[in-house]
Amino acid sequence: MPWLLLILAGLFECGFTTCLKLSEGLTRPFWSAAFLVLSVISFGLLTLAAQTIPLGTAYAVWTGIGAFGTALIGILWFGDPVTFWRIVFLSGLIICLIGLKWASPD
């Protein structure tokens, strides 16, 4: 269950970073409010997961999911560039996150 909470926290991180962009510097009220709500949910889920999962692992996985997901959202919805090396390194990030899960004590 803690790993599910951690994955959800990472997905909510993707949501709050996307809302941050859409808020245009926190000048658009709806997207600014969505950013606040999603960030509180994300941090809350991270806090719950970190009660069981080692803090360093939880934080690394949370930020990794957020970084990968936000990069993917940038590519798919905001026209961010897709380059060979960007895909290689994003794939490496996912491999590292899987490795952290695999190497974590249960």
C-alpha atoms as a PDB file:
ATOM      1  CA  MET A   1       0.000   0.000   0.000  1.00  0.00           C
ATOM      2  CA  PRO A   2       2.776   2.561   0.722  1.00  0.00           C
ATOM      3  CA  TRP A   3       4.162   2.080  -2.789  1.00  0.00           C
ATOM      4  CA  LEU A   4       0.746   2.735  -4.300  1.00  0.00           C
ATOM      5  CA  LEU A   5       0.499   5.918  -2.229  1.00  0.00           C
ATOM      6  CA  LEU A   6       3.958   6.930  -3.430  1.00  0.00           C
ATOM      7  CA  ILE A   7       3.074   6.337  -7.080  1.00  0.00           C
ATOM      8  CA  LEU A   8      -0.111   8.353  -6.636  1.00  0.00           C
ATOM      9  CA  ALA A   9       1.902  11.131  -4.979  1.00  0.00           C
ATOM     10  CA  GLY A  10       4.189  11.213  -8.017  1.00  0.00           C
ATOM     11  CA  LEU A  11       1.224  11.372 -10.383  1.00  0.00           C
ATOM     12  CA  PHE A  12      -0.276  14.239  -8.401  1.00  0.00           C
ATOM     13  CA  GLU A  13       3.119  15.940  -8.686  1.00  0.00           C
ATOM     14  CA  CYS A  14       2.755  15.725 -12.466  1.00  0.00           C
ATOM     15  CA  GLY A  15      -0.643  17.339 -12.064  1.00  0.00           C
ATOM     16  CA  PHE A  16       0.525  20.199  -9.901  1.00  0.00           C
ATOM     17  CA  THR A  17       3.494  21.016 -12.127  1.00  0.00           C
ATOM     18  CA  THR A  18       1.201  21.068 -15.155  1.00  0.00           C
ATOM     19  CA  CYS A  19      -1.224  23.363 -13.325  1.00  0.00           C
ATOM     20  CA  LEU A  20       1.714  25.576 -12.377  1.00  0.00           C
ATOM     21  CA  LYS A  21       2.513  26.054 -16.065  1.00  0.00           C
ATOM     22  CA  LEU A  22      -1.139  26.612 -16.956  1.00  0.00           C
ATOM     23  CA  SER A  23      -1.465  29.179 -14.149  1.00  0.00           C
ATOM     24  CA  GLU A  24       0.919  31.484 -16.052  1.00  0.00           C
ATOM     25  CA  GLY A  25       2.871  32.543 -12.996  1.00  0.00           C
ATOM     26  CA  LEU A  26      -0.070  32.007 -10.628  1.00  0.00           C
ATOM     27  CA  THR A  27      -2.053  34.727 -12.421  1.00  0.00           C
ATOM     28  CA  ARG A  28      -4.938  32.472 -13.526  1.00  0.00           C
ATOM     29  CA  PRO A  29      -7.129  31.717 -10.485  1.00  0.00           C
ATOM     30  CA  PHE A  30      -8.507  28.307 -11.514  1.00  0.00           C
ATOM     31  CA  TRP A  31      -5.123  26.836 -12.412  1.00  0.00           C
ATOM     32  CA  SER A  32      -3.503  28.457  -9.369  1.00  0.00           C
ATOM     33  CA  ALA A  33      -6.103  26.864  -7.089  1.00  0.00           C
ATOM     34  CA  ALA A  34      -5.693  23.513  -8.854  1.00  0.00           C
ATOM     35  CA  PHE A  35      -1.919  23.799  -8.323  1.00  0.00           C
ATOM     36  CA  LEU A  36      -2.435  24.370  -4.586  1.00  0.00           C
ATOM     37  CA  VAL A  37      -4.917  21.508  -4.162  1.00  0.00           C
ATOM     38  CA  LEU A  38      -2.857  18.995  -6.144  1.00  0.00           C
ATOM     39  CA  SER A  39       0.387  19.956  -4.401  1.00  0.00           C
ATOM     40  CA  VAL A  40      -1.186  19.479  -0.957  1.00  0.00           C
ATOM     41  CA  ILE A  41      -2.515  16.063  -2.025  1.00  0.00           C
ATOM     42  CA  SER A  42       0.856  15.097  -3.473  1.00  0.00           C
ATOM     43  CA  PHE A  43       2.804  16.116  -0.369  1.00  0.00           C
ATOM     44  CA  GLY A  44       0.224  14.432   1.867  1.00  0.00           C
ATOM     45  CA  LEU A  45       0.534  11.137  -0.002  1.00  0.00           C
ATOM     46  CA  LEU A  46       4.334  11.419   0.051  1.00  0.00           C
ATOM     47  CA  THR A  47       4.179  11.958   3.808  1.00  0.00           C
ATOM     48  CA  LEU A  48       2.054   8.836   4.288  1.00  0.00           C
ATOM     49  CA  ALA A  49       4.308   6.725   2.050  1.00  0.00           C
ATOM     50  CA  ALA A  50       7.459   7.948   3.809  1.00  0.00           C
ATOM     51  CA  GLN A  51       6.193   6.553   7.101  1.00  0.00           C
ATOM     52  CA  THR A  52       7.019   3.075   5.761  1.00  0.00           C
ATOM     53  CA  ILE A  53       9.354   3.553   2.799  1.00  0.00           C
ATOM     54  CA  PRO A  54      12.808   4.975   3.645  1.00  0.00           C
ATOM     55  CA  LEU A  55      12.718   8.756   3.224  1.00  0.00           C
ATOM     56  CA  GLY A  56      15.525   8.960   0.658  1.00  0.00           C
ATOM     57  CA  THR A  57      13.938   6.273  -1.482  1.00  0.00           C
ATOM     58  CA  ALA A  58      10.460   7.794  -1.195  1.00  0.00           C
ATOM     59  CA  TYR A  59      11.710  11.240  -2.141  1.00  0.00           C
ATOM     60  CA  ALA A  60      13.782   9.961  -5.063  1.00  0.00           C
ATOM     61  CA  VAL A  61      10.874   7.940  -6.450  1.00  0.00           C
ATOM     62  CA  TRP A  62       8.425  10.817  -5.940  1.00  0.00           C
ATOM     63  CA  THR A  63      10.623  13.318  -7.743  1.00  0.00           C
ATOM     64  CA  GLY A  64      11.513  10.768 -10.425  1.00  0.00           C
ATOM     65  CA  ILE A  65       7.878  10.019 -11.231  1.00  0.00           C
ATOM     66  CA  GLY A  66       7.163  13.739 -11.231  1.00  0.00           C
ATOM     67  CA  ALA A  67      10.126  14.526 -13.468  1.00  0.00           C
ATOM     68  CA  PHE A  68       9.362  11.751 -15.946  1.00  0.00           C
ATOM     69  CA  GLY A  69       5.632  12.444 -16.019  1.00  0.00           C
ATOM     70  CA  THR A  70       6.073  16.194 -16.340  1.00  0.00           C
ATOM     71  CA  ALA A  71       8.571  15.724 -19.171  1.00  0.00           C
ATOM     72  CA  LEU A  72       6.115  13.406 -20.917  1.00  0.00           C
ATOM     73  CA  ILE A  73       3.277  15.918 -20.476  1.00  0.00           C
ATOM     74  CA  GLY A  74       5.551  18.622 -21.863  1.00  0.00           C
ATOM     75  CA  ILE A  75       6.258  16.501 -24.936  1.00  0.00           C
ATOM     76  CA  LEU A  76       2.667  15.403 -25.532  1.00  0.00           C
ATOM     77  CA  TRP A  77       0.757  18.611 -24.722  1.00  0.00           C
ATOM     78  CA  PHE A  78       3.159  21.534 -24.754  1.00  0.00           C
ATOM     79  CA  GLY A  79       5.320  20.663 -27.758  1.00  0.00           C
ATOM     80  CA  ASP A  80       8.558  20.204 -25.823  1.00  0.00           C
ATOM     81  CA  PRO A  81      11.326  18.801 -28.032  1.00  0.00           C
ATOM     82  CA  VAL A  82      11.756  15.054 -28.461  1.00  0.00           C
ATOM     83  CA  THR A  83      15.374  14.116 -28.979  1.00  0.00           C
ATOM     84  CA  PHE A  84      17.170  10.811 -28.931  1.00  0.00           C
ATOM     85  CA  TRP A  85      19.179  11.697 -25.824  1.00  0.00           C
ATOM     86  CA  ARG A  86      16.159  13.050 -23.991  1.00  0.00           C
ATOM     87  CA  ILE A  87      14.357   9.737 -24.511  1.00  0.00           C
ATOM     88  CA  VAL A  88      17.468   7.788 -23.498  1.00  0.00           C
ATOM     89  CA  PHE A  89      17.855   9.683 -20.239  1.00  0.00           C
ATOM     90  CA  LEU A  90      14.139   9.631 -19.407  1.00  0.00           C
ATOM     91  CA  SER A  91      14.212   5.857 -19.983  1.00  0.00           C
ATOM     92  CA  GLY A  92      17.227   5.640 -17.687  1.00  0.00           C
ATOM     93  CA  LEU A  93      15.264   7.500 -15.044  1.00  0.00           C
ATOM     94  CA  ILE A  94      12.477   4.909 -15.175  1.00  0.00           C
ATOM     95  CA  ILE A  95      15.044   2.092 -14.919  1.00  0.00           C
ATOM     96  CA  CYS A  96      16.507   3.790 -11.827  1.00  0.00           C
ATOM     97  CA  LEU A  97      13.063   4.116 -10.221  1.00  0.00           C
ATOM     98  CA  ILE A  98      12.387   0.431 -10.810  1.00  0.00           C
ATOM     99  CA  GLY A  99      15.804  -0.314  -9.329  1.00  0.00           C
ATOM    100  CA  LEU A 100      14.998   1.684  -6.211  1.00  0.00           C
ATOM    101  CA  LYS A 101      11.783  -0.269  -5.741  1.00  0.00           C
ATOM    102  CA  TRP A 102      13.582  -3.544  -6.314  1.00  0.00           C
ATOM    103  CA  ALA A 103      16.379  -2.672  -3.889  1.00  0.00           C
ATOM    104  CA  SER A 104      14.082  -1.366  -1.132  1.00  0.00           C
ATOM    105  CA  PRO A 105      13.471  -3.452   1.938  1.00  0.00           C
ATOM    106  CA  ASP A 106       9.849  -4.539   2.261  1.00  0.00           C
END
